[in-house]
Amino acid sequence: MNYFFLAVAAAVMVNAFLCLYQGAKGPTIQDRVISINIVNTKTLVVLLFVFFAIGEPGTYLDIALVYALLNFVVTVAVSRYIETERIAVE
């Protein structure tokens, strides 16, 4: 195992928890959506670092790609829902 990749993954996870805290206390719903998107992206990066650390990045790369696609689709869907709800309320 490559301990450098694991150390970087741990540092990214600490940063992800800070972003998660920001998402929990965010003043607006848009701040929360962006914060959760950042946390999901950091989770993807941690997954890739762990895959490189165990020595088989090619085997699990499809999992990372599907996770990134789901992250994008969910963020767009939630943003669209927030935008339509705001228009409907006003």
N, C-alpha and C. Protein backbone atom coordinates (compact mmCIF):
# COMPACT_ATOMS: atom_id res chain seq x y z
N MET A 1 0.83 -1.19 0.00
CA MET A 1 0.00 0.00 0.00
C MET A 1 0.87 1.25 0.00
N ASN A 2 0.39 2.22 -0.66
CA ASN A 2 1.10 3.48 -0.71
C ASN A 2 0.50 4.40 0.35
N TYR A 3 1.28 4.67 1.40
CA TYR A 3 0.79 5.45 2.53
C TYR A 3 0.61 6.92 2.19
N PHE A 4 1.29 7.39 1.16
CA PHE A 4 1.11 8.79 0.75
C PHE A 4 -0.33 9.03 0.29
N PHE A 5 -0.86 8.13 -0.54
CA PHE A 5 -2.23 8.29 -1.01
C PHE A 5 -3.23 8.23 0.14
N LEU A 6 -2.96 7.36 1.11
CA LEU A 6 -3.86 7.26 2.26
C LEU A 6 -3.79 8.52 3.13
N ALA A 7 -2.62 9.10 3.26
CA ALA A 7 -2.49 10.33 4.04
C ALA A 7 -3.20 11.50 3.35
N VAL A 8 -3.06 11.58 2.05
CA VAL A 8 -3.76 12.64 1.31
C VAL A 8 -5.27 12.42 1.39
N ALA A 9 -5.72 11.17 1.32
CA ALA A 9 -7.15 10.88 1.43
C ALA A 9 -7.67 11.29 2.81
N ALA A 10 -6.90 11.06 3.84
CA ALA A 10 -7.32 11.48 5.19
C ALA A 10 -7.40 13.00 5.29
N ALA A 11 -6.46 13.70 4.69
CA ALA A 11 -6.50 15.16 4.71
C ALA A 11 -7.70 15.70 3.94
N VAL A 12 -8.02 15.07 2.83
CA VAL A 12 -9.20 15.50 2.06
C VAL A 12 -10.48 15.22 2.84
N MET A 13 -10.52 14.12 3.58
CA MET A 13 -11.71 13.81 4.38
C MET A 13 -11.89 14.82 5.51
N VAL A 14 -10.81 15.27 6.12
CA VAL A 14 -10.93 16.32 7.14
C VAL A 14 -11.52 17.57 6.52
N ASN A 15 -11.04 17.92 5.34
CA ASN A 15 -11.57 19.08 4.63
C ASN A 15 -13.04 18.87 4.25
N ALA A 16 -13.41 17.65 3.90
CA ALA A 16 -14.80 17.36 3.56
C ALA A 16 -15.71 17.53 4.77
N PHE A 17 -15.24 17.15 5.95
CA PHE A 17 -16.05 17.34 7.15
C PHE A 17 -16.22 18.82 7.47
N LEU A 18 -15.22 19.62 7.17
CA LEU A 18 -15.38 21.07 7.35
C LEU A 18 -16.43 21.62 6.39
N CYS A 19 -16.44 21.14 5.17
CA CYS A 19 -17.46 21.56 4.20
C CYS A 19 -18.84 21.06 4.61
N LEU A 20 -18.90 19.87 5.20
CA LEU A 20 -20.18 19.35 5.68
C LEU A 20 -20.73 20.21 6.81
N TYR A 21 -19.85 20.68 7.68
CA TYR A 21 -20.27 21.60 8.74
C TYR A 21 -20.80 22.90 8.14
N GLN A 22 -20.12 23.41 7.14
CA GLN A 22 -20.59 24.63 6.47
C GLN A 22 -21.95 24.40 5.83
N GLY A 23 -22.17 23.23 5.29
CA GLY A 23 -23.46 22.92 4.71
C GLY A 23 -24.57 22.85 5.74
N ALA A 24 -24.24 22.37 6.92
CA ALA A 24 -25.25 22.28 7.97
C ALA A 24 -25.63 23.65 8.52
N LYS A 25 -24.69 24.57 8.55
CA LYS A 25 -25.00 25.88 9.11
C LYS A 25 -25.20 26.95 8.05
N GLY A 26 -25.18 26.57 6.77
CA GLY A 26 -25.32 27.53 5.68
C GLY A 26 -26.57 28.38 5.82
N PRO A 27 -26.46 29.67 5.56
CA PRO A 27 -27.61 30.54 5.77
C PRO A 27 -28.72 30.34 4.72
N THR A 28 -28.37 29.94 3.51
CA THR A 28 -29.39 29.75 2.48
C THR A 28 -29.33 28.33 1.95
N ILE A 29 -30.38 27.94 1.27
CA ILE A 29 -30.45 26.59 0.71
C ILE A 29 -29.43 26.43 -0.43
N GLN A 30 -29.12 27.50 -1.14
CA GLN A 30 -28.13 27.41 -2.21
C GLN A 30 -26.74 27.12 -1.64
N ASP A 31 -26.42 27.72 -0.49
CA ASP A 31 -25.14 27.42 0.15
C ASP A 31 -25.07 25.95 0.56
N ARG A 32 -26.18 25.42 1.00
CA ARG A 32 -26.20 24.02 1.42
C ARG A 32 -26.03 23.08 0.23
N VAL A 33 -26.68 23.40 -0.87
CA VAL A 33 -26.56 22.54 -2.06
C VAL A 33 -25.12 22.55 -2.58
N ILE A 34 -24.51 23.71 -2.63
CA ILE A 34 -23.13 23.81 -3.10
C ILE A 34 -22.19 23.07 -2.15
N SER A 35 -22.43 23.20 -0.85
CA SER A 35 -21.58 22.54 0.13
C SER A 35 -21.69 21.01 0.01
N ILE A 36 -22.90 20.51 -0.16
CA ILE A 36 -23.06 19.06 -0.31
C ILE A 36 -22.43 18.58 -1.62
N ASN A 37 -22.49 19.39 -2.67
CA ASN A 37 -21.82 19.05 -3.92
C ASN A 37 -20.31 18.96 -3.71
N ILE A 38 -19.76 19.89 -2.95
CA ILE A 38 -18.32 19.86 -2.66
C ILE A 38 -17.97 18.61 -1.86
N VAL A 39 -18.80 18.26 -0.88
CA VAL A 39 -18.54 17.06 -0.08
C VAL A 39 -18.58 15.82 -0.96
N ASN A 40 -19.53 15.74 -1.86
CA ASN A 40 -19.59 14.59 -2.77
C ASN A 40 -18.37 14.52 -3.68
N THR A 41 -17.90 15.66 -4.15
CA THR A 41 -16.71 15.68 -4.99
C THR A 41 -15.48 15.25 -4.20
N LYS A 42 -15.37 15.70 -2.97
CA LYS A 42 -14.24 15.29 -2.14
C LYS A 42 -14.32 13.79 -1.82
N THR A 43 -15.52 13.27 -1.67
CA THR A 43 -15.67 11.83 -1.45
C THR A 43 -15.19 11.06 -2.68
N LEU A 44 -15.48 11.57 -3.85
CA LEU A 44 -14.99 10.95 -5.08
C LEU A 44 -13.47 10.95 -5.13
N VAL A 45 -12.87 12.06 -4.74
CA VAL A 45 -11.40 12.14 -4.73
C VAL A 45 -10.82 11.16 -3.73
N VAL A 46 -11.44 11.03 -2.56
CA VAL A 46 -10.97 10.07 -1.56
C VAL A 46 -11.08 8.64 -2.10
N LEU A 47 -12.19 8.34 -2.78
CA LEU A 47 -12.32 7.02 -3.38
C LEU A 47 -11.19 6.73 -4.37
N LEU A 48 -10.88 7.71 -5.19
CA LEU A 48 -9.80 7.52 -6.16
C LEU A 48 -8.45 7.34 -5.48
N PHE A 49 -8.18 8.11 -4.43
CA PHE A 49 -6.92 7.94 -3.70
C PHE A 49 -6.82 6.56 -3.06
N VAL A 50 -7.92 6.08 -2.52
CA VAL A 50 -7.90 4.74 -1.91
C VAL A 50 -7.71 3.68 -2.98
N PHE A 51 -8.35 3.85 -4.13
CA PHE A 51 -8.16 2.90 -5.22
C PHE A 51 -6.71 2.86 -5.69
N PHE A 52 -6.07 4.03 -5.75
CA PHE A 52 -4.66 4.06 -6.13
C PHE A 52 -3.80 3.46 -5.03
N ALA A 53 -4.18 3.65 -3.78
CA ALA A 53 -3.39 3.12 -2.67
C ALA A 53 -3.41 1.60 -2.64
N ILE A 54 -4.54 0.99 -2.97
CA ILE A 54 -4.59 -0.47 -2.95
C ILE A 54 -4.01 -1.08 -4.22
N GLY A 55 -3.72 -0.23 -5.20
CA GLY A 55 -3.01 -0.70 -6.38
C GLY A 55 -3.87 -1.14 -7.54
N GLU A 56 -5.16 -0.89 -7.49
CA GLU A 56 -6.04 -1.29 -8.58
C GLU A 56 -6.96 -0.15 -8.99
N PRO A 57 -6.42 0.93 -9.54
CA PRO A 57 -7.29 2.05 -9.90
C PRO A 57 -8.19 1.75 -11.10
N GLY A 58 -7.72 0.93 -12.00
CA GLY A 58 -8.50 0.65 -13.21
C GLY A 58 -9.73 -0.18 -12.94
N THR A 59 -9.64 -1.04 -11.93
CA THR A 59 -10.76 -1.92 -11.62
C THR A 59 -11.96 -1.14 -11.10
N TYR A 60 -11.70 -0.14 -10.29
CA TYR A 60 -12.77 0.58 -9.64
C TYR A 60 -13.04 1.95 -10.25
N LEU A 61 -12.44 2.24 -11.36
CA LEU A 61 -12.63 3.55 -11.99
C LEU A 61 -14.07 3.75 -12.46
N ASP A 62 -14.73 2.68 -12.87
CA ASP A 62 -16.12 2.81 -13.29
C ASP A 62 -17.03 3.19 -12.13
N ILE A 63 -16.70 2.74 -10.93
CA ILE A 63 -17.47 3.15 -9.75
C ILE A 63 -17.33 4.64 -9.53
N ALA A 64 -16.12 5.15 -9.66
CA ALA A 64 -15.88 6.58 -9.48
C ALA A 64 -16.59 7.40 -10.55
N LEU A 65 -16.61 6.92 -11.78
CA LEU A 65 -17.29 7.64 -12.84
C LEU A 65 -18.81 7.68 -12.63
N VAL A 66 -19.38 6.58 -12.20
CA VAL A 66 -20.82 6.56 -11.93
C VAL A 66 -21.15 7.47 -10.75
N TYR A 67 -20.31 7.47 -9.73
CA TYR A 67 -20.52 8.34 -8.58
C TYR A 67 -20.45 9.81 -8.99
N ALA A 68 -19.50 10.16 -9.85
CA ALA A 68 -19.40 11.54 -10.32
C ALA A 68 -20.61 11.94 -11.15
N LEU A 69 -21.10 11.04 -11.98
CA LEU A 69 -22.29 11.32 -12.78
C LEU A 69 -23.51 11.51 -11.90
N LEU A 70 -23.68 10.66 -10.90
CA LEU A 70 -24.80 10.81 -9.97
C LEU A 70 -24.70 12.12 -9.18
N ASN A 71 -23.49 12.49 -8.80
CA ASN A 71 -23.28 13.75 -8.09
C ASN A 71 -23.75 14.91 -8.95
N PHE A 72 -23.39 14.91 -10.21
CA PHE A 72 -23.77 15.99 -11.11
C PHE A 72 -25.29 16.03 -11.33
N VAL A 73 -25.88 14.87 -11.58
CA VAL A 73 -27.31 14.81 -11.87
C VAL A 73 -28.13 15.24 -10.65
N VAL A 74 -27.75 14.80 -9.47
CA VAL A 74 -28.48 15.17 -8.26
C VAL A 74 -28.36 16.66 -7.99
N THR A 75 -27.18 17.23 -8.19
CA THR A 75 -27.01 18.67 -7.97
C THR A 75 -27.85 19.48 -8.93
N VAL A 76 -27.87 19.08 -10.19
CA VAL A 76 -28.69 19.79 -11.17
C VAL A 76 -30.18 19.64 -10.84
N ALA A 77 -30.59 18.45 -10.45
CA ALA A 77 -32.00 18.22 -10.13
C ALA A 77 -32.44 19.04 -8.91
N VAL A 78 -31.63 19.06 -7.87
CA VAL A 78 -31.98 19.83 -6.68
C VAL A 78 -31.98 21.32 -6.99
N SER A 79 -31.02 21.78 -7.77
CA SER A 79 -30.98 23.20 -8.14
C SER A 79 -32.21 23.58 -8.96
N ARG A 80 -32.59 22.71 -9.86
CA ARG A 80 -33.78 22.96 -10.68
C ARG A 80 -35.04 22.99 -9.81
N TYR A 81 -35.12 22.08 -8.85
CA TYR A 81 -36.27 22.04 -7.95
C TYR A 81 -36.34 23.32 -7.11
N ILE A 82 -35.20 23.76 -6.60
CA ILE A 82 -35.18 24.99 -5.80
C ILE A 82 -35.59 26.18 -6.64
N GLU A 83 -35.12 26.24 -7.87
CA GLU A 83 -35.46 27.37 -8.74
C GLU A 83 -36.95 27.39 -9.07
N THR A 84 -37.53 26.25 -9.37
CA THR A 84 -38.96 26.23 -9.70
C THR A 84 -39.83 26.50 -8.48
N GLU A 85 -39.40 26.05 -7.32
CA GLU A 85 -40.16 26.33 -6.11
C GLU A 85 -40.11 27.81 -5.75
N ARG A 86 -38.97 28.45 -5.99
CA ARG A 86 -38.84 29.87 -5.67
C ARG A 86 -39.72 30.69 -6.60
N ILE A 87 -39.82 30.31 -7.85
CA ILE A 87 -40.66 31.03 -8.80
C ILE A 87 -42.14 30.82 -8.44
N ALA A 88 -42.47 29.59 -8.03
CA ALA A 88 -43.86 29.30 -7.70
C ALA A 88 -44.31 30.05 -6.44
N VAL A 89 -43.40 30.27 -5.50
CA VAL A 89 -43.74 30.96 -4.25
C VAL A 89 -43.91 32.44 -4.50
N GLU A 90 -43.09 33.02 -5.35
CA GLU A 90 -43.13 34.47 -5.58
C GLU A 90 -44.29 34.89 -6.37
